[in-house]
Amino acid sequence: MGAIRVHEFMSLDGVIDAPTWTFDYAFDPNMGRAIAAAMDGCEGLLLGRTTYEMFEPAWSQRTVEDDPGAPFFNDSMKYVVSGTLTSTTWRNSQILGPYQADAIRTLKDTVEGDLYVSGSGTLVRRMLSDGLVDALHVFIYPLTLGVGPRLFTEDMTPRKMTLAANESYDNGVVYLGYESQN
């Protein structure tokens, strides 16, 4: 049985909207190492429709020379949770259909290795509430945005997690890595 590992960029006030606001902060190479560690052992990506549609044009043409993560994103199987997407153009992609907790549990049981999730806020909130997230890797940026979709909402099922890793970077970003206590 595999695990689901989630990676999110978040503002101090919890906003996880399309993180163009991260561009104002230099990407610290140690952040890349933390993300790579979160992806280590993952055999596939689990994505919501919006993130899939953002990632496909951004990653599908990249090579290892452009970004060391390109082979993982392009060669790994991508499982897309969507009730509206009808076809994919990015190789190794499969539409799972609308969100169903049991379908995600079955996927976890059948995929060799772990599944990596980046972004996909709607999907992540539902999986957190349903106890399906095994590891949560959050990079908190030193700014508040005031408005935008939040990672944690008032209607979520409470869950306990254990701090497994933490780092701070010269650009002001703080990394917190949590493991589920499920």
C-alpha atoms as a PDB file:
ATOM      1  CA  MET A   1       0.000   0.000   0.000  1.00  0.00           C
ATOM      2  CA  GLY A   2       1.384   3.355  -1.047  1.00  0.00           C
ATOM      3  CA  ALA A   3       1.180   6.702   0.646  1.00  0.00           C
ATOM      4  CA  ILE A   4      -0.067  10.049  -0.588  1.00  0.00           C
ATOM      5  CA  ARG A   5       2.443  12.878  -0.182  1.00  0.00           C
ATOM      6  CA  VAL A   6       1.245  16.434  -0.683  1.00  0.00           C
ATOM      7  CA  HIS A   7       3.376  19.508  -1.406  1.00  0.00           C
ATOM      8  CA  GLU A   8       1.901  23.010  -1.185  1.00  0.00           C
ATOM      9  CA  PHE A   9       3.175  26.584  -1.416  1.00  0.00           C
ATOM     10  CA  MET A  10       1.196  28.690   1.050  1.00  0.00           C
ATOM     11  CA  SER A  11       1.051  32.286   2.257  1.00  0.00           C
ATOM     12  CA  LEU A  12       1.223  33.091   5.985  1.00  0.00           C
ATOM     13  CA  ASP A  13      -2.557  33.422   6.035  1.00  0.00           C
ATOM     14  CA  GLY A  14      -3.087  30.012   4.431  1.00  0.00           C
ATOM     15  CA  VAL A  15      -3.763  30.950   0.796  1.00  0.00           C
ATOM     16  CA  ILE A  16      -2.688  28.319  -1.758  1.00  0.00           C
ATOM     17  CA  ASP A  17      -4.021  29.918  -4.938  1.00  0.00           C
ATOM     18  CA  ALA A  18      -1.923  29.646  -8.123  1.00  0.00           C
ATOM     19  CA  PRO A  19       1.352  30.664  -6.486  1.00  0.00           C
ATOM     20  CA  THR A  20       2.558  33.354  -8.871  1.00  0.00           C
ATOM     21  CA  TRP A  21       3.228  35.389  -5.717  1.00  0.00           C
ATOM     22  CA  THR A  22       6.179  33.071  -4.990  1.00  0.00           C
ATOM     23  CA  PHE A  23       8.091  34.668  -7.897  1.00  0.00           C
ATOM     24  CA  ASP A  24       9.003  37.613  -5.639  1.00  0.00           C
ATOM     25  CA  TYR A  25      11.150  35.229  -3.557  1.00  0.00           C
ATOM     26  CA  ALA A  26      14.298  33.656  -4.925  1.00  0.00           C
ATOM     27  CA  PHE A  27      13.969  29.875  -5.024  1.00  0.00           C
ATOM     28  CA  ASP A  28      16.473  28.559  -2.494  1.00  0.00           C
ATOM     29  CA  PRO A  29      18.257  25.379  -3.715  1.00  0.00           C
ATOM     30  CA  ASN A  30      17.573  23.819  -0.303  1.00  0.00           C
ATOM     31  CA  MET A  31      13.858  24.112  -1.068  1.00  0.00           C
ATOM     32  CA  GLY A  32      14.463  22.041  -4.180  1.00  0.00           C
ATOM     33  CA  ARG A  33      16.187  19.393  -2.086  1.00  0.00           C
ATOM     34  CA  ALA A  34      13.234  19.298   0.343  1.00  0.00           C
ATOM     35  CA  ILE A  35      10.780  18.921  -2.549  1.00  0.00           C
ATOM     36  CA  ALA A  36      12.935  16.184  -4.091  1.00  0.00           C
ATOM     37  CA  ALA A  37      12.966  14.366  -0.750  1.00  0.00           C
ATOM     38  CA  ALA A  38       9.160  14.620  -0.586  1.00  0.00           C
ATOM     39  CA  MET A  39       8.969  13.085  -4.068  1.00  0.00           C
ATOM     40  CA  ASP A  40      11.503  10.321  -3.348  1.00  0.00           C
ATOM     41  CA  GLY A  41       9.846   6.927  -3.717  1.00  0.00           C
ATOM     42  CA  CYS A  42       6.813   8.340  -5.515  1.00  0.00           C
ATOM     43  CA  GLU A  43       5.794   6.420  -8.604  1.00  0.00           C
ATOM     44  CA  GLY A  44       2.978   8.626  -9.818  1.00  0.00           C
ATOM     45  CA  LEU A  45       1.238  11.966  -9.557  1.00  0.00           C
ATOM     46  CA  LEU A  46      -2.284  12.504  -8.303  1.00  0.00           C
ATOM     47  CA  LEU A  47      -3.682  15.795  -9.569  1.00  0.00           C
ATOM     48  CA  GLY A  48      -6.892  17.744  -9.705  1.00  0.00           C
ATOM     49  CA  ARG A  49      -8.105  19.015 -13.073  1.00  0.00           C
ATOM     50  CA  THR A  50      -6.965  22.626 -12.651  1.00  0.00           C
ATOM     51  CA  THR A  51      -3.435  21.659 -11.613  1.00  0.00           C
ATOM     52  CA  TYR A  52      -3.246  19.063 -14.391  1.00  0.00           C
ATOM     53  CA  GLU A  53      -4.236  21.725 -16.927  1.00  0.00           C
ATOM     54  CA  MET A  54      -1.591  24.113 -15.523  1.00  0.00           C
ATOM     55  CA  PHE A  55       1.155  21.466 -15.325  1.00  0.00           C
ATOM     56  CA  GLU A  56       0.655  19.843 -18.738  1.00  0.00           C
ATOM     57  CA  PRO A  57       1.861  22.798 -20.849  1.00  0.00           C
ATOM     58  CA  ALA A  58       4.473  23.779 -18.255  1.00  0.00           C
ATOM     59  CA  TRP A  59       6.078  20.347 -17.833  1.00  0.00           C
ATOM     60  CA  SER A  60       5.333  18.286 -20.957  1.00  0.00           C
ATOM     61  CA  GLN A  61       7.992  20.018 -23.065  1.00  0.00           C
ATOM     62  CA  ARG A  62      10.675  20.267 -20.366  1.00  0.00           C
ATOM     63  CA  THR A  63      13.731  18.054 -20.366  1.00  0.00           C
ATOM     64  CA  VAL A  64      16.153  17.131 -17.607  1.00  0.00           C
ATOM     65  CA  GLU A  65      18.414  19.896 -18.932  1.00  0.00           C
ATOM     66  CA  ASP A  66      15.621  22.408 -18.239  1.00  0.00           C
ATOM     67  CA  ASP A  67      14.712  21.006 -14.827  1.00  0.00           C
ATOM     68  CA  PRO A  68      15.904  17.891 -12.984  1.00  0.00           C
ATOM     69  CA  GLY A  69      12.275  17.116 -12.064  1.00  0.00           C
ATOM     70  CA  ALA A  70      11.136  16.897 -15.698  1.00  0.00           C
ATOM     71  CA  PRO A  71      11.625  13.117 -16.092  1.00  0.00           C
ATOM     72  CA  PHE A  72       9.486  12.419 -13.022  1.00  0.00           C
ATOM     73  CA  PHE A  73       6.670  14.702 -14.174  1.00  0.00           C
ATOM     74  CA  ASN A  74       6.732  13.464 -17.765  1.00  0.00           C
ATOM     75  CA  ASP A  75       7.483   9.771 -17.383  1.00  0.00           C
ATOM     76  CA  SER A  76       5.455   8.949 -14.271  1.00  0.00           C
ATOM     77  CA  MET A  77       1.806   7.990 -14.417  1.00  0.00           C
ATOM     78  CA  LYS A  78      -0.508  10.930 -13.783  1.00  0.00           C
ATOM     79  CA  TYR A  79      -3.907  10.217 -12.203  1.00  0.00           C
ATOM     80  CA  VAL A  80      -6.347  13.078 -12.685  1.00  0.00           C
ATOM     81  CA  VAL A  81      -9.365  13.499 -10.424  1.00  0.00           C
ATOM     82  CA  SER A  82     -12.015  15.317 -12.434  1.00  0.00           C
ATOM     83  CA  GLY A  83     -15.701  15.085 -13.176  1.00  0.00           C
ATOM     84  CA  THR A  84     -15.374  17.400 -16.186  1.00  0.00           C
ATOM     85  CA  LEU A  85     -12.133  16.490 -17.979  1.00  0.00           C
ATOM     86  CA  THR A  86     -12.857  14.108 -20.853  1.00  0.00           C
ATOM     87  CA  SER A  87      -9.442  13.598 -22.439  1.00  0.00           C
ATOM     88  CA  THR A  88      -5.751  14.112 -21.751  1.00  0.00           C
ATOM     89  CA  THR A  89      -2.858  15.131 -23.979  1.00  0.00           C
ATOM     90  CA  TRP A  90       0.046  14.596 -21.581  1.00  0.00           C
ATOM     91  CA  ARG A  91       1.535  11.123 -21.926  1.00  0.00           C
ATOM     92  CA  ASN A  92       0.967   8.619 -19.116  1.00  0.00           C
ATOM     93  CA  SER A  93      -2.221  10.312 -17.927  1.00  0.00           C
ATOM     94  CA  GLN A  94      -5.420   8.656 -16.760  1.00  0.00           C
ATOM     95  CA  ILE A  95      -8.672  10.332 -15.738  1.00  0.00           C
ATOM     96  CA  LEU A  96     -10.082   8.792 -12.540  1.00  0.00           C
ATOM     97  CA  GLY A  97     -13.412  10.609 -12.699  1.00  0.00           C
ATOM     98  CA  PRO A  98     -14.962  12.760  -9.972  1.00  0.00           C
ATOM     99  CA  TYR A  99     -13.583  12.637  -6.442  1.00  0.00           C
ATOM    100  CA  GLN A 100     -14.490   9.510  -4.519  1.00  0.00           C
ATOM    101  CA  ALA A 101     -12.589   8.687  -1.328  1.00  0.00           C
ATOM    102  CA  ASP A 102     -12.907   4.943  -1.926  1.00  0.00           C
ATOM    103  CA  ALA A 103     -11.465   5.264  -5.436  1.00  0.00           C
ATOM    104  CA  ILE A 104      -8.442   7.112  -4.004  1.00  0.00           C
ATOM    105  CA  ARG A 105      -8.026   4.401  -1.327  1.00  0.00           C
ATOM    106  CA  THR A 106      -8.113   1.738  -4.044  1.00  0.00           C
ATOM    107  CA  LEU A 107      -5.544   3.659  -6.078  1.00  0.00           C
ATOM    108  CA  LYS A 108      -3.256   3.868  -3.024  1.00  0.00           C
ATOM    109  CA  ASP A 109      -3.570   0.099  -2.611  1.00  0.00           C
ATOM    110  CA  THR A 110      -2.821  -0.740  -6.242  1.00  0.00           C
ATOM    111  CA  VAL A 111      -0.055   1.696  -7.240  1.00  0.00           C
ATOM    112  CA  GLU A 112       3.478   0.562  -6.611  1.00  0.00           C
ATOM    113  CA  GLY A 113       5.211   3.196  -4.511  1.00  0.00           C
ATOM    114  CA  ASP A 114       3.742   6.456  -3.295  1.00  0.00           C
ATOM    115  CA  LEU A 115       1.699   9.137  -5.013  1.00  0.00           C
ATOM    116  CA  TYR A 116       2.825  12.775  -5.148  1.00  0.00           C
ATOM    117  CA  VAL A 117       0.397  15.693  -5.153  1.00  0.00           C
ATOM    118  CA  SER A 118       1.357  19.286  -5.870  1.00  0.00           C
ATOM    119  CA  GLY A 119      -1.185  22.079  -5.744  1.00  0.00           C
ATOM    120  CA  SER A 120      -4.630  20.590  -6.440  1.00  0.00           C
ATOM    121  CA  GLY A 121      -6.205  22.490  -3.535  1.00  0.00           C
ATOM    122  CA  THR A 122      -9.772  21.201  -3.912  1.00  0.00           C
ATOM    123  CA  LEU A 123      -8.545  17.612  -4.137  1.00  0.00           C
ATOM    124  CA  VAL A 124      -6.139  18.025  -1.216  1.00  0.00           C
ATOM    125  CA  ARG A 125      -8.774  19.556   1.061  1.00  0.00           C
ATOM    126  CA  ARG A 126     -11.100  16.619   0.415  1.00  0.00           C
ATOM    127  CA  MET A 127      -8.325  14.061   0.919  1.00  0.00           C
ATOM    128  CA  LEU A 128      -7.213  15.756   4.154  1.00  0.00           C
ATOM    129  CA  SER A 129     -10.784  15.677   5.432  1.00  0.00           C
ATOM    130  CA  ASP A 130     -11.119  11.997   4.470  1.00  0.00           C
ATOM    131  CA  GLY A 131      -7.813  11.036   6.111  1.00  0.00           C
ATOM    132  CA  LEU A 132      -6.118  10.096   2.836  1.00  0.00           C
ATOM    133  CA  VAL A 133      -3.032  12.333   3.103  1.00  0.00           C
ATOM    134  CA  ASP A 134      -0.093  10.528   4.669  1.00  0.00           C
ATOM    135  CA  ALA A 135       2.466  13.345   4.434  1.00  0.00           C
ATOM    136  CA  LEU A 136       1.968  17.089   4.057  1.00  0.00           C
ATOM    137  CA  HIS A 137       4.899  19.253   2.949  1.00  0.00           C
ATOM    138  CA  VAL A 138       4.108  22.964   3.249  1.00  0.00           C
ATOM    139  CA  PHE A 139       6.349  25.833   2.177  1.00  0.00           C
ATOM    140  CA  ILE A 140       5.095  28.970   3.922  1.00  0.00           C
ATOM    141  CA  TYR A 141       5.974  32.261   2.255  1.00  0.00           C
ATOM    142  CA  PRO A 142       6.417  35.436   4.335  1.00  0.00           C
ATOM    143  CA  LEU A 143       3.439  37.387   3.067  1.00  0.00           C
ATOM    144  CA  THR A 144      -0.296  37.619   3.584  1.00  0.00           C
ATOM    145  CA  LEU A 145      -2.685  37.750   0.655  1.00  0.00           C
ATOM    146  CA  GLY A 146      -5.975  38.391   2.437  1.00  0.00           C
ATOM    147  CA  VAL A 147      -8.109  36.595  -0.126  1.00  0.00           C
ATOM    148  CA  GLY A 148      -7.909  33.362  -2.031  1.00  0.00           C
ATOM    149  CA  PRO A 149      -8.536  29.673  -1.518  1.00  0.00           C
ATOM    150  CA  ARG A 150      -7.182  28.373   1.779  1.00  0.00           C
ATOM    151  CA  LEU A 151      -5.636  24.978   2.411  1.00  0.00           C
ATOM    152  CA  PHE A 152      -7.600  24.519   5.613  1.00  0.00           C
ATOM    153  CA  THR A 153     -11.270  25.463   5.796  1.00  0.00           C
ATOM    154  CA  GLU A 154     -13.702  25.586   8.709  1.00  0.00           C
ATOM    155  CA  ASP A 155     -15.732  22.623   7.465  1.00  0.00           C
ATOM    156  CA  MET A 156     -12.808  20.151   7.333  1.00  0.00           C
ATOM    157  CA  THR A 157     -12.683  17.097   9.553  1.00  0.00           C
ATOM    158  CA  PRO A 158     -10.081  17.675  12.303  1.00  0.00           C
ATOM    159  CA  ARG A 159      -6.913  15.580  11.902  1.00  0.00           C
ATOM    160  CA  LYS A 160      -3.730  15.270  13.949  1.00  0.00           C
ATOM    161  CA  MET A 161      -0.327  15.297  12.300  1.00  0.00           C
ATOM    162  CA  THR A 162       3.211  14.944  13.591  1.00  0.00           C
ATOM    163  CA  LEU A 163       6.002  17.332  12.634  1.00  0.00           C
ATOM    164  CA  ALA A 164       8.597  15.239  10.810  1.00  0.00           C
ATOM    165  CA  ALA A 165      10.827  17.927   9.258  1.00  0.00           C
ATOM    166  CA  ASN A 166      11.327  21.678   9.264  1.00  0.00           C
ATOM    167  CA  GLU A 167      13.726  24.181   7.749  1.00  0.00           C
ATOM    168  CA  SER A 168      13.920  27.895   7.194  1.00  0.00           C
ATOM    169  CA  TYR A 169      15.546  29.469   4.171  1.00  0.00           C
ATOM    170  CA  ASP A 170      17.389  32.702   3.445  1.00  0.00           C
ATOM    171  CA  ASN A 171      14.457  33.914   1.308  1.00  0.00           C
ATOM    172  CA  GLY A 172      12.178  33.899   4.380  1.00  0.00           C
ATOM    173  CA  VAL A 173      10.284  30.732   3.439  1.00  0.00           C
ATOM    174  CA  VAL A 174       9.694  28.121   6.136  1.00  0.00           C
ATOM    175  CA  TYR A 175       9.257  24.431   5.316  1.00  0.00           C
ATOM    176  CA  LEU A 176       7.133  22.214   7.533  1.00  0.00           C
ATOM    177  CA  GLY A 177       6.844  18.492   6.842  1.00  0.00           C
ATOM    178  CA  TYR A 178       4.063  16.611   8.629  1.00  0.00           C
ATOM    179  CA  GLU A 179       3.050  12.961   8.786  1.00  0.00           C
ATOM    180  CA  SER A 180      -0.477  11.811   9.425  1.00  0.00           C
ATOM    181  CA  GLN A 181      -1.364  10.155  12.732  1.00  0.00           C
ATOM    182  CA  ASN A 182      -4.161   8.108  11.088  1.00  0.00           C
END
